[in-house]
PDB file of N, CA and C in Angstrom:
ATOM      1  N   UNK A   1     -28.353  11.178  10.038  1.00  0.00           N
ATOM      2  CA  UNK A   1     -27.639   9.845  10.352  1.00  0.00           C
ATOM      3  C   UNK A   1     -26.227  10.157  10.510  1.00  0.00           C
ATOM      4  N   UNK A   2     -25.528   9.633  11.616  1.00  0.00           N
ATOM      5  CA  UNK A   2     -24.088   9.710  11.892  1.00  0.00           C
ATOM      6  C   UNK A   2     -23.298   8.670  11.171  1.00  0.00           C
ATOM      7  N   UNK A   3     -22.274   9.033  10.609  1.00  0.00           N
ATOM      8  CA  UNK A   3     -21.364   8.017   9.803  1.00  0.00           C
ATOM      9  C   UNK A   3     -20.541   7.520  10.989  1.00  0.00           C
ATOM     10  N   UNK A   4     -20.264   6.099  11.160  1.00  0.00           N
ATOM     11  CA  UNK A   4     -19.265   5.569  12.084  1.00  0.00           C
ATOM     12  C   UNK A   4     -18.253   4.897  11.124  1.00  0.00           C
ATOM     13  N   UNK A   5     -17.053   4.762  11.832  1.00  0.00           N
ATOM     14  CA  UNK A   5     -16.150   3.878  11.292  1.00  0.00           C
ATOM     15  C   UNK A   5     -16.159   2.622  11.647  1.00  0.00           C
ATOM     16  N   UNK A   6     -15.608   1.640  10.830  1.00  0.00           N
ATOM     17  CA  UNK A   6     -15.333   0.153  11.286  1.00  0.00           C
ATOM     18  C   UNK A   6     -15.072   0.009  12.665  1.00  0.00           C
ATOM     19  N   UNK A   7     -13.925   0.620  12.971  1.00  0.00           N
ATOM     20  CA  UNK A   7     -13.465   0.417  14.383  1.00  0.00           C
ATOM     21  C   UNK A   7     -14.477   0.754  15.506  1.00  0.00           C
ATOM     22  N   UNK A   8     -15.338   2.079  15.241  1.00  0.00           N
ATOM     23  CA  UNK A   8     -16.252   2.403  16.249  1.00  0.00           C
ATOM     24  C   UNK A   8     -17.474   1.252  16.279  1.00  0.00           C
ATOM     25  N   UNK A   9     -17.711   0.803  15.257  1.00  0.00           N
ATOM     26  CA  UNK A   9     -18.767  -0.293  15.298  1.00  0.00           C
ATOM     27  C   UNK A   9     -18.343  -1.555  15.927  1.00  0.00           C
ATOM     28  N   UNK A  10     -16.895  -1.925  15.740  1.00  0.00           N
ATOM     29  CA  UNK A  10     -16.403  -3.136  16.430  1.00  0.00           C
ATOM     30  C   UNK A  10     -16.289  -2.847  17.850  1.00  0.00           C
ATOM     31  N   UNK A  11     -15.882  -1.403  18.252  1.00  0.00           N
ATOM     32  CA  UNK A  11     -15.815  -1.091  19.754  1.00  0.00           C
ATOM     33  C   UNK A  11     -17.170  -1.361  20.381  1.00  0.00           C
ATOM     34  N   UNK A  12     -18.117  -0.934  19.720  1.00  0.00           N
ATOM     35  CA  UNK A  12     -19.694  -0.997  20.234  1.00  0.00           C
ATOM     36  C   UNK A  12     -19.929  -2.395  20.492  1.00  0.00           C
ATOM     37  N   UNK A  13     -19.818  -3.268  19.492  1.00  0.00           N
ATOM     38  CA  UNK A  13     -20.567  -4.710  19.523  1.00  0.00           C
ATOM     39  C   UNK A  13     -19.492  -5.797  20.078  1.00  0.00           C
ATOM     40  N   UNK A  14     -18.083  -5.363  19.966  1.00  0.00           N
ATOM     41  CA  UNK A  14     -17.196  -6.354  20.499  1.00  0.00           C
ATOM     42  C   UNK A  14     -16.167  -5.940  21.521  1.00  0.00           C
ATOM     43  N   UNK A  15     -16.456  -4.745  21.829  1.00  0.00           N
ATOM     44  CA  UNK A  15     -15.232  -4.179  22.847  1.00  0.00           C
ATOM     45  C   UNK A  15     -14.239  -3.502  22.141  1.00  0.00           C
ATOM     46  N   UNK A  16     -13.303  -2.733  23.084  1.00  0.00           N
ATOM     47  CA  UNK A  16     -12.157  -2.302  22.572  1.00  0.00           C
ATOM     48  C   UNK A  16     -11.196  -3.318  22.364  1.00  0.00           C
ATOM     49  N   UNK A  17     -10.128  -2.895  21.572  1.00  0.00           N
ATOM     50  CA  UNK A  17      -9.083  -3.813  21.428  1.00  0.00           C
ATOM     51  C   UNK A  17      -8.291  -4.065  22.662  1.00  0.00           C
ATOM     52  N   UNK A  18      -8.121  -5.193  22.821  1.00  0.00           N
ATOM     53  CA  UNK A  18      -7.479  -5.899  24.047  1.00  0.00           C
ATOM     54  C   UNK A  18      -8.373  -6.563  24.896  1.00  0.00           C
ATOM     55  N   UNK A  19      -9.720  -6.481  24.737  1.00  0.00           N
ATOM     56  CA  UNK A  19     -10.569  -7.347  25.507  1.00  0.00           C
ATOM     57  C   UNK A  19     -10.868  -8.690  24.602  1.00  0.00           C
ATOM     58  N   UNK A  20     -11.148  -9.685  25.435  1.00  0.00           N
ATOM     59  CA  UNK A  20     -11.306 -11.010  24.936  1.00  0.00           C
ATOM     60  C   UNK A  20     -11.909 -11.295  23.665  1.00  0.00           C
ATOM     61  N   UNK A  21     -13.317 -10.445  23.899  1.00  0.00           N
ATOM     62  CA  UNK A  21     -14.270 -10.678  22.634  1.00  0.00           C
ATOM     63  C   UNK A  21     -13.673  -9.997  21.295  1.00  0.00           C
ATOM     64  N   UNK A  22     -13.085  -8.920  21.646  1.00  0.00           N
ATOM     65  CA  UNK A  22     -12.561  -8.070  20.337  1.00  0.00           C
ATOM     66  C   UNK A  22     -11.481  -8.952  19.788  1.00  0.00           C
ATOM     67  N   UNK A  23     -10.365  -9.292  20.702  1.00  0.00           N
ATOM     68  CA  UNK A  23      -9.255  -9.975  20.310  1.00  0.00           C
ATOM     69  C   UNK A  23      -9.480 -11.265  19.544  1.00  0.00           C
ATOM     70  N   UNK A  24     -10.552 -11.884  19.778  1.00  0.00           N
ATOM     71  CA  UNK A  24     -11.155 -13.190  19.106  1.00  0.00           C
ATOM     72  C   UNK A  24     -11.629 -12.762  17.752  1.00  0.00           C
ATOM     73  N   UNK A  25     -12.446 -11.704  17.646  1.00  0.00           N
ATOM     74  CA  UNK A  25     -13.011 -11.299  16.402  1.00  0.00           C
ATOM     75  C   UNK A  25     -11.725 -10.785  15.506  1.00  0.00           C
ATOM     76  N   UNK A  26     -10.596 -10.042  15.769  1.00  0.00           N
ATOM     77  CA  UNK A  26      -9.590  -9.663  15.268  1.00  0.00           C
ATOM     78  C   UNK A  26      -8.751 -10.848  14.562  1.00  0.00           C
ATOM     79  N   UNK A  27      -8.613 -11.746  15.330  1.00  0.00           N
ATOM     80  CA  UNK A  27      -7.910 -13.045  15.107  1.00  0.00           C
ATOM     81  C   UNK A  27      -8.630 -13.842  14.111  1.00  0.00           C
ATOM     82  N   UNK A  28      -9.915 -13.934  14.188  1.00  0.00           N
ATOM     83  CA  UNK A  28     -10.726 -14.561  13.094  1.00  0.00           C
ATOM     84  C   UNK A  28     -10.811 -13.793  11.905  1.00  0.00           C
ATOM     85  N   UNK A  29     -10.678 -12.634  11.970  1.00  0.00           N
ATOM     86  CA  UNK A  29     -10.821 -11.761  10.817  1.00  0.00           C
ATOM     87  C   UNK A  29      -9.272 -11.881  10.084  1.00  0.00           C
ATOM     88  N   UNK A  30      -8.342 -11.878  10.917  1.00  0.00           N
ATOM     89  CA  UNK A  30      -6.805 -12.163   9.999  1.00  0.00           C
ATOM     90  C   UNK A  30      -6.694 -13.457   9.495  1.00  0.00           C
ATOM     91  N   UNK A  31      -7.505 -14.549  10.100  1.00  0.00           N
ATOM     92  CA  UNK A  31      -7.330 -15.927   9.486  1.00  0.00           C
ATOM     93  C   UNK A  31      -8.080 -15.737   8.147  1.00  0.00           C
ATOM     94  N   UNK A  32      -9.165 -15.215   8.307  1.00  0.00           N
ATOM     95  CA  UNK A  32      -9.933 -15.092   6.987  1.00  0.00           C
ATOM     96  C   UNK A  32      -9.283 -14.388   5.821  1.00  0.00           C
ATOM     97  N   UNK A  33      -8.557 -13.268   6.129  1.00  0.00           N
ATOM     98  CA  UNK A  33      -7.772 -12.587   5.170  1.00  0.00           C
ATOM     99  C   UNK A  33      -6.800 -13.467   4.369  1.00  0.00           C
ATOM    100  N   UNK A  34      -6.237 -14.457   5.275  1.00  0.00           N
ATOM    101  CA  UNK A  34      -5.152 -15.275   4.669  1.00  0.00           C
ATOM    102  C   UNK A  34      -5.770 -16.172   3.728  1.00  0.00           C
ATOM    103  N   UNK A  35      -7.058 -16.875   4.083  1.00  0.00           N
ATOM    104  CA  UNK A  35      -7.776 -17.860   3.102  1.00  0.00           C
ATOM    105  C   UNK A  35      -8.116 -17.013   1.932  1.00  0.00           C
ATOM    106  N   UNK A  36      -8.500 -15.699   1.951  1.00  0.00           N
ATOM    107  CA  UNK A  36      -8.912 -15.037   0.858  1.00  0.00           C
ATOM    108  C   UNK A  36      -7.645 -14.812   0.035  1.00  0.00           C
ATOM    109  N   UNK A  37      -6.530 -14.568   0.490  1.00  0.00           N
ATOM    110  CA  UNK A  37      -5.530 -14.116  -0.258  1.00  0.00           C
ATOM    111  C   UNK A  37      -4.866 -15.532  -0.968  1.00  0.00           C
ATOM    112  N   UNK A  38      -4.871 -16.652  -0.195  1.00  0.00           N
ATOM    113  CA  UNK A  38      -4.384 -17.821  -0.834  1.00  0.00           C
ATOM    114  C   UNK A  38      -5.299 -18.188  -1.937  1.00  0.00           C
ATOM    115  N   UNK A  39      -6.783 -18.020  -1.696  1.00  0.00           N
ATOM    116  CA  UNK A  39      -7.605 -18.197  -2.889  1.00  0.00           C
ATOM    117  C   UNK A  39      -7.255 -17.450  -4.115  1.00  0.00           C
ATOM    118  N   UNK A  40      -7.151 -16.081  -3.921  1.00  0.00           N
ATOM    119  CA  UNK A  40      -6.960 -15.085  -4.927  1.00  0.00           C
ATOM    120  C   UNK A  40      -5.603 -15.529  -5.820  1.00  0.00           C
ATOM    121  N   UNK A  41      -4.511 -15.876  -5.013  1.00  0.00           N
ATOM    122  CA  UNK A  41      -3.294 -16.251  -5.721  1.00  0.00           C
ATOM    123  C   UNK A  41      -3.517 -17.648  -6.568  1.00  0.00           C
ATOM    124  N   UNK A  42      -4.027 -18.574  -5.973  1.00  0.00           N
ATOM    125  CA  UNK A  42      -4.264 -19.684  -6.736  1.00  0.00           C
ATOM    126  C   UNK A  42      -5.122 -19.479  -8.131  1.00  0.00           C
ATOM    127  N   UNK A  43      -6.193 -18.646  -7.883  1.00  0.00           N
ATOM    128  CA  UNK A  43      -7.126 -18.314  -9.126  1.00  0.00           C
ATOM    129  C   UNK A  43      -6.169 -17.532  -9.935  1.00  0.00           C
ATOM    130  N   UNK A  44      -5.307 -16.477  -9.606  1.00  0.00           N
ATOM    131  CA  UNK A  44      -4.451 -15.869 -10.606  1.00  0.00           C
ATOM    132  C   UNK A  44      -3.647 -16.763 -11.293  1.00  0.00           C
ATOM    133  N   UNK A  45      -3.260 -17.870 -10.760  1.00  0.00           N
ATOM    134  CA  UNK A  45      -2.346 -18.813 -11.335  1.00  0.00           C
ATOM    135  C   UNK A  45      -3.270 -19.868 -12.236  1.00  0.00           C
ATOM    136  N   UNK A  46      -4.450 -19.678 -12.411  1.00  0.00           N
ATOM    137  CA  UNK A  46      -5.400 -20.496 -13.185  1.00  0.00           C
ATOM    138  C   UNK A  46      -5.235 -21.992 -12.567  1.00  0.00           C
ATOM    139  N   UNK A  47      -5.045 -22.205 -11.298  1.00  0.00           N
ATOM    140  CA  UNK A  47      -4.817 -23.564 -10.681  1.00  0.00           C
ATOM    141  C   UNK A  47      -6.250 -23.928  -9.897  1.00  0.00           C
ATOM    142  N   UNK A  48      -6.475 -25.047 -10.075  1.00  0.00           N
ATOM    143  CA  UNK A  48      -7.663 -25.689  -9.147  1.00  0.00           C
ATOM    144  C   UNK A  48      -7.150 -26.107  -7.938  1.00  0.00           C
ATOM    145  N   UNK A  49      -8.104 -26.043  -6.863  1.00  0.00           N
ATOM    146  CA  UNK A  49      -7.789 -26.651  -5.460  1.00  0.00           C
ATOM    147  C   UNK A  49      -7.202 -27.898  -5.489  1.00  0.00           C
ATOM    148  N   UNK A  50      -7.708 -28.906  -6.445  1.00  0.00           N
ATOM    149  CA  UNK A  50      -7.111 -30.154  -6.639  1.00  0.00           C
ATOM    150  C   UNK A  50      -5.539 -30.156  -7.031  1.00  0.00           C
ATOM    151  N   UNK A  51      -5.272 -29.223  -7.945  1.00  0.00           N
ATOM    152  CA  UNK A  51      -3.838 -29.121  -8.492  1.00  0.00           C
ATOM    153  C   UNK A  51      -3.003 -28.563  -7.244  1.00  0.00           C
ATOM    154  N   UNK A  52      -3.453 -27.648  -6.539  1.00  0.00           N
ATOM    155  CA  UNK A  52      -2.623 -27.232  -5.448  1.00  0.00           C
ATOM    156  C   UNK A  52      -2.442 -28.199  -4.416  1.00  0.00           C
ATOM    157  N   UNK A  53      -3.694 -28.873  -3.996  1.00  0.00           N
ATOM    158  CA  UNK A  53      -3.421 -29.962  -3.019  1.00  0.00           C
ATOM    159  C   UNK A  53      -2.521 -31.102  -3.418  1.00  0.00           C
ATOM    160  N   UNK A  54      -2.554 -31.346  -4.670  1.00  0.00           N
ATOM    161  CA  UNK A  54      -1.565 -32.145  -5.211  1.00  0.00           C
ATOM    162  C   UNK A  54      -0.208 -31.976  -5.044  1.00  0.00           C
ATOM    163  N   UNK A  55      -0.037 -30.795  -5.333  1.00  0.00           N
ATOM    164  CA  UNK A  55       1.388 -30.201  -5.310  1.00  0.00           C
ATOM    165  C   UNK A  55       1.994 -30.260  -3.718  1.00  0.00           C
ATOM    166  N   UNK A  56       1.054 -30.194  -2.632  1.00  0.00           N
ATOM    167  CA  UNK A  56       1.578 -30.129  -1.305  1.00  0.00           C
ATOM    168  C   UNK A  56       1.096 -31.347  -0.601  1.00  0.00           C
ATOM    169  N   UNK A  57       0.775 -32.447  -1.275  1.00  0.00           N
ATOM    170  CA  UNK A  57       0.347 -33.586  -0.662  1.00  0.00           C
ATOM    171  C   UNK A  57      -0.647 -33.490   0.410  1.00  0.00           C
ATOM    172  N   UNK A  58      -1.660 -32.722   0.054  1.00  0.00           N
ATOM    173  CA  UNK A  58      -2.948 -32.637   0.749  1.00  0.00           C
ATOM    174  C   UNK A  58      -4.122 -32.999   0.105  1.00  0.00           C
ATOM    175  N   UNK A  59      -5.388 -33.161   0.675  1.00  0.00           N
ATOM    176  CA  UNK A  59      -6.583 -33.291  -0.125  1.00  0.00           C
ATOM    177  C   UNK A  59      -7.261 -31.964  -0.558  1.00  0.00           C
ATOM    178  N   UNK A  60      -8.061 -32.035  -1.513  1.00  0.00           N
ATOM    179  CA  UNK A  60      -8.805 -30.957  -2.169  1.00  0.00           C
ATOM    180  C   UNK A  60      -9.378 -30.221  -1.056  1.00  0.00           C
ATOM    181  N   UNK A  61     -10.178 -30.993  -0.041  1.00  0.00           N
ATOM    182  CA  UNK A  61     -11.177 -30.618   0.744  1.00  0.00           C
ATOM    183  C   UNK A  61     -10.296 -29.796   1.859  1.00  0.00           C
ATOM    184  N   UNK A  62      -9.029 -30.024   2.241  1.00  0.00           N
ATOM    185  CA  UNK A  62      -8.111 -29.149   3.085  1.00  0.00           C
ATOM    186  C   UNK A  62      -7.978 -27.817   2.491  1.00  0.00           C
ATOM    187  N   UNK A  63      -7.753 -27.789   1.270  1.00  0.00           N
ATOM    188  CA  UNK A  63      -7.406 -26.485   0.518  1.00  0.00           C
ATOM    189  C   UNK A  63      -8.795 -25.531   0.705  1.00  0.00           C
ATOM    190  N   UNK A  64      -9.955 -26.306   0.487  1.00  0.00           N
ATOM    191  CA  UNK A  64     -11.221 -25.621   0.396  1.00  0.00           C
ATOM    192  C   UNK A  64     -11.297 -25.090   1.952  1.00  0.00           C
ATOM    193  N   UNK A  65     -11.081 -25.825   2.927  1.00  0.00           N
ATOM    194  CA  UNK A  65     -11.183 -25.264   4.247  1.00  0.00           C
ATOM    195  C   UNK A  65     -10.525 -24.236   4.539  1.00  0.00           C
ATOM    196  N   UNK A  66      -9.174 -24.262   4.121  1.00  0.00           N
ATOM    197  CA  UNK A  66      -8.072 -23.137   4.274  1.00  0.00           C
ATOM    198  C   UNK A  66      -8.640 -21.915   3.714  1.00  0.00           C
ATOM    199  N   UNK A  67      -9.238 -22.119   2.403  1.00  0.00           N
ATOM    200  CA  UNK A  67      -9.638 -20.929   1.652  1.00  0.00           C
ATOM    201  C   UNK A  67     -11.025 -20.143   2.135  1.00  0.00           C
ATOM    202  N   UNK A  68     -11.804 -21.074   2.735  1.00  0.00           N
ATOM    203  CA  UNK A  68     -13.172 -20.633   3.098  1.00  0.00           C
ATOM    204  C   UNK A  68     -13.368 -20.366   4.409  1.00  0.00           C
ATOM    205  N   UNK A  69     -12.629 -21.041   5.370  1.00  0.00           N
ATOM    206  CA  UNK A  69     -12.885 -20.697   6.764  1.00  0.00           C
ATOM    207  C   UNK A  69     -11.573 -20.834   7.701  1.00  0.00           C
ATOM    208  N   UNK A  70     -10.501 -20.783   6.740  1.00  0.00           N
ATOM    209  CA  UNK A  70      -9.113 -20.543   7.309  1.00  0.00           C
ATOM    210  C   UNK A  70      -9.036 -21.417   8.297  1.00  0.00           C
ATOM    211  N   UNK A  71      -9.053 -22.769   8.114  1.00  0.00           N
ATOM    212  CA  UNK A  71      -8.798 -23.808   9.169  1.00  0.00           C
ATOM    213  C   UNK A  71      -7.440 -23.617   9.715  1.00  0.00           C
ATOM    214  N   UNK A  72      -7.318 -23.842  10.922  1.00  0.00           N
ATOM    215  CA  UNK A  72      -6.081 -23.628  11.821  1.00  0.00           C
ATOM    216  C   UNK A  72      -4.983 -24.240  11.053  1.00  0.00           C
ATOM    217  N   UNK A  73      -3.915 -23.664  10.475  1.00  0.00           N
ATOM    218  CA  UNK A  73      -2.918 -24.429   9.919  1.00  0.00           C
ATOM    219  C   UNK A  73      -1.628 -24.067  10.566  1.00  0.00           C
ATOM    220  N   UNK A  74      -0.661 -24.928  10.324  1.00  0.00           N
ATOM    221  CA  UNK A  74       0.670 -24.520  11.044  1.00  0.00           C
ATOM    222  C   UNK A  74       1.508 -23.567   9.920  1.00  0.00           C
ATOM    223  N   UNK A  75       2.447 -23.051  10.534  1.00  0.00           N
ATOM    224  CA  UNK A  75       3.252 -22.242   9.558  1.00  0.00           C
ATOM    225  C   UNK A  75       3.829 -23.059   8.507  1.00  0.00           C
ATOM    226  N   UNK A  76       4.204 -24.373   8.887  1.00  0.00           N
ATOM    227  CA  UNK A  76       5.049 -25.048   7.927  1.00  0.00           C
ATOM    228  C   UNK A  76       3.935 -25.479   6.626  1.00  0.00           C
ATOM    229  N   UNK A  77       2.661 -25.551   6.923  1.00  0.00           N
ATOM    230  CA  UNK A  77       1.735 -25.861   5.941  1.00  0.00           C
ATOM    231  C   UNK A  77       1.452 -24.567   5.185  1.00  0.00           C
ATOM    232  N   UNK A  78       1.496 -23.452   5.839  1.00  0.00           N
ATOM    233  CA  UNK A  78       1.296 -22.089   4.982  1.00  0.00           C
ATOM    234  C   UNK A  78       2.680 -21.883   4.215  1.00  0.00           C
ATOM    235  N   UNK A  79       3.828 -22.294   4.489  1.00  0.00           N
ATOM    236  CA  UNK A  79       4.853 -22.202   3.860  1.00  0.00           C
ATOM    237  C   UNK A  79       4.673 -23.058   2.521  1.00  0.00           C
ATOM    238  N   UNK A  80       4.202 -24.341   2.809  1.00  0.00           N
ATOM    239  CA  UNK A  80       4.117 -25.253   1.755  1.00  0.00           C
ATOM    240  C   UNK A  80       3.091 -24.790   0.782  1.00  0.00           C
ATOM    241  N   UNK A  81       2.185 -24.271   1.204  1.00  0.00           N
ATOM    242  CA  UNK A  81       1.053 -23.759   0.288  1.00  0.00           C
ATOM    243  C   UNK A  81       1.502 -22.501  -0.688  1.00  0.00           C
ATOM    244  N   UNK A  82       2.212 -21.802  -0.009  1.00  0.00           N
ATOM    245  CA  UNK A  82       2.741 -20.452  -0.706  1.00  0.00           C
ATOM    246  C   UNK A  82       4.011 -20.894  -1.564  1.00  0.00           C
ATOM    247  N   UNK A  83       4.672 -21.461  -1.085  1.00  0.00           N
ATOM    248  CA  UNK A  83       5.960 -21.568  -1.683  1.00  0.00           C
ATOM    249  C   UNK A  83       6.191 -22.832  -2.675  1.00  0.00           C
ATOM    250  N   UNK A  84       5.671 -24.028  -2.120  1.00  0.00           N
ATOM    251  CA  UNK A  84       5.713 -25.084  -2.999  1.00  0.00           C
ATOM    252  C   UNK A  84       4.502 -25.024  -3.861  1.00  0.00           C
ATOM    253  N   UNK A  85       3.432 -25.025  -3.388  1.00  0.00           N
ATOM    254  CA  UNK A  85       2.149 -25.033  -4.045  1.00  0.00           C
ATOM    255  C   UNK A  85       1.861 -23.934  -5.069  1.00  0.00           C
ATOM    256  N   UNK A  86       2.190 -22.707  -4.565  1.00  0.00           N
ATOM    257  CA  UNK A  86       1.888 -21.390  -5.472  1.00  0.00           C
ATOM    258  C   UNK A  86       3.051 -20.758  -6.132  1.00  0.00           C
ATOM    259  N   UNK A  87       4.251 -21.403  -5.636  1.00  0.00           N
ATOM    260  CA  UNK A  87       5.544 -20.714  -6.383  1.00  0.00           C
ATOM    261  C   UNK A  87       5.685 -19.277  -5.744  1.00  0.00           C
ATOM    262  N   UNK A  88       5.340 -19.028  -4.806  1.00  0.00           N
ATOM    263  CA  UNK A  88       5.606 -17.620  -4.185  1.00  0.00           C
ATOM    264  C   UNK A  88       6.429 -17.525  -3.124  1.00  0.00           C
ATOM    265  N   UNK A  89       6.496 -16.509  -2.410  1.00  0.00           N
ATOM    266  CA  UNK A  89       7.473 -16.288  -1.043  1.00  0.00           C
ATOM    267  C   UNK A  89       6.421 -15.862   0.003  1.00  0.00           C
ATOM    268  N   UNK A  90       6.637 -16.415   1.157  1.00  0.00           N
ATOM    269  CA  UNK A  90       5.802 -15.989   2.240  1.00  0.00           C
ATOM    270  C   UNK A  90       6.680 -14.903   3.251  1.00  0.00           C
ATOM    271  N   UNK A  91       5.984 -13.883   3.561  1.00  0.00           N
ATOM    272  CA  UNK A  91       6.671 -12.946   4.331  1.00  0.00           C
ATOM    273  C   UNK A  91       5.757 -12.663   5.520  1.00  0.00           C
ATOM    274  N   UNK A  92       6.197 -12.802   6.756  1.00  0.00           N
ATOM    275  CA  UNK A  92       5.603 -12.652   7.927  1.00  0.00           C
ATOM    276  C   UNK A  92       5.929 -11.374   8.571  1.00  0.00           C
ATOM    277  N   UNK A  93       4.991 -10.524   8.859  1.00  0.00           N
ATOM    278  CA  UNK A  93       5.341  -9.180   9.483  1.00  0.00           C
ATOM    279  C   UNK A  93       4.728  -9.216  10.914  1.00  0.00           C
ATOM    280  N   UNK A  94       5.576  -9.113  11.920  1.00  0.00           N
ATOM    281  CA  UNK A  94       5.131  -8.897  13.331  1.00  0.00           C
ATOM    282  C   UNK A  94       5.032  -7.524  13.801  1.00  0.00           C
ATOM    283  N   UNK A  95       4.038  -7.034  14.222  1.00  0.00           N
ATOM    284  CA  UNK A  95       3.876  -5.668  14.671  1.00  0.00           C
ATOM    285  C   UNK A  95       3.528  -5.656  16.054  1.00  0.00           C
ATOM    286  N   UNK A  96       4.113  -4.576  16.777  1.00  0.00           N
ATOM    287  CA  UNK A  96       3.646  -4.418  18.117  1.00  0.00           C
ATOM    288  C   UNK A  96       3.008  -2.917  18.317  1.00  0.00           C
TER     289      UNK A  96
END
């Protein structure tokens, strides 16, 4: 049995980087990682979704959507969640 890397598997089933299907997958995976990181930060602070939502004037269901399926949020909302809600600092890294 030949071992394959994750990138090789993605190339086979979604195409190489730069193709529309692969770019869509990579974008969805990046959004999911944001939701997972936000949930982990909230849980580390022992904060409920409702407590976080209240701090940023949103509904608990909105926080759930962001954490679970990374609802399409604006940068302003992301800043609000991280900085106002969680008390952290948001850093964005753009790579080429």
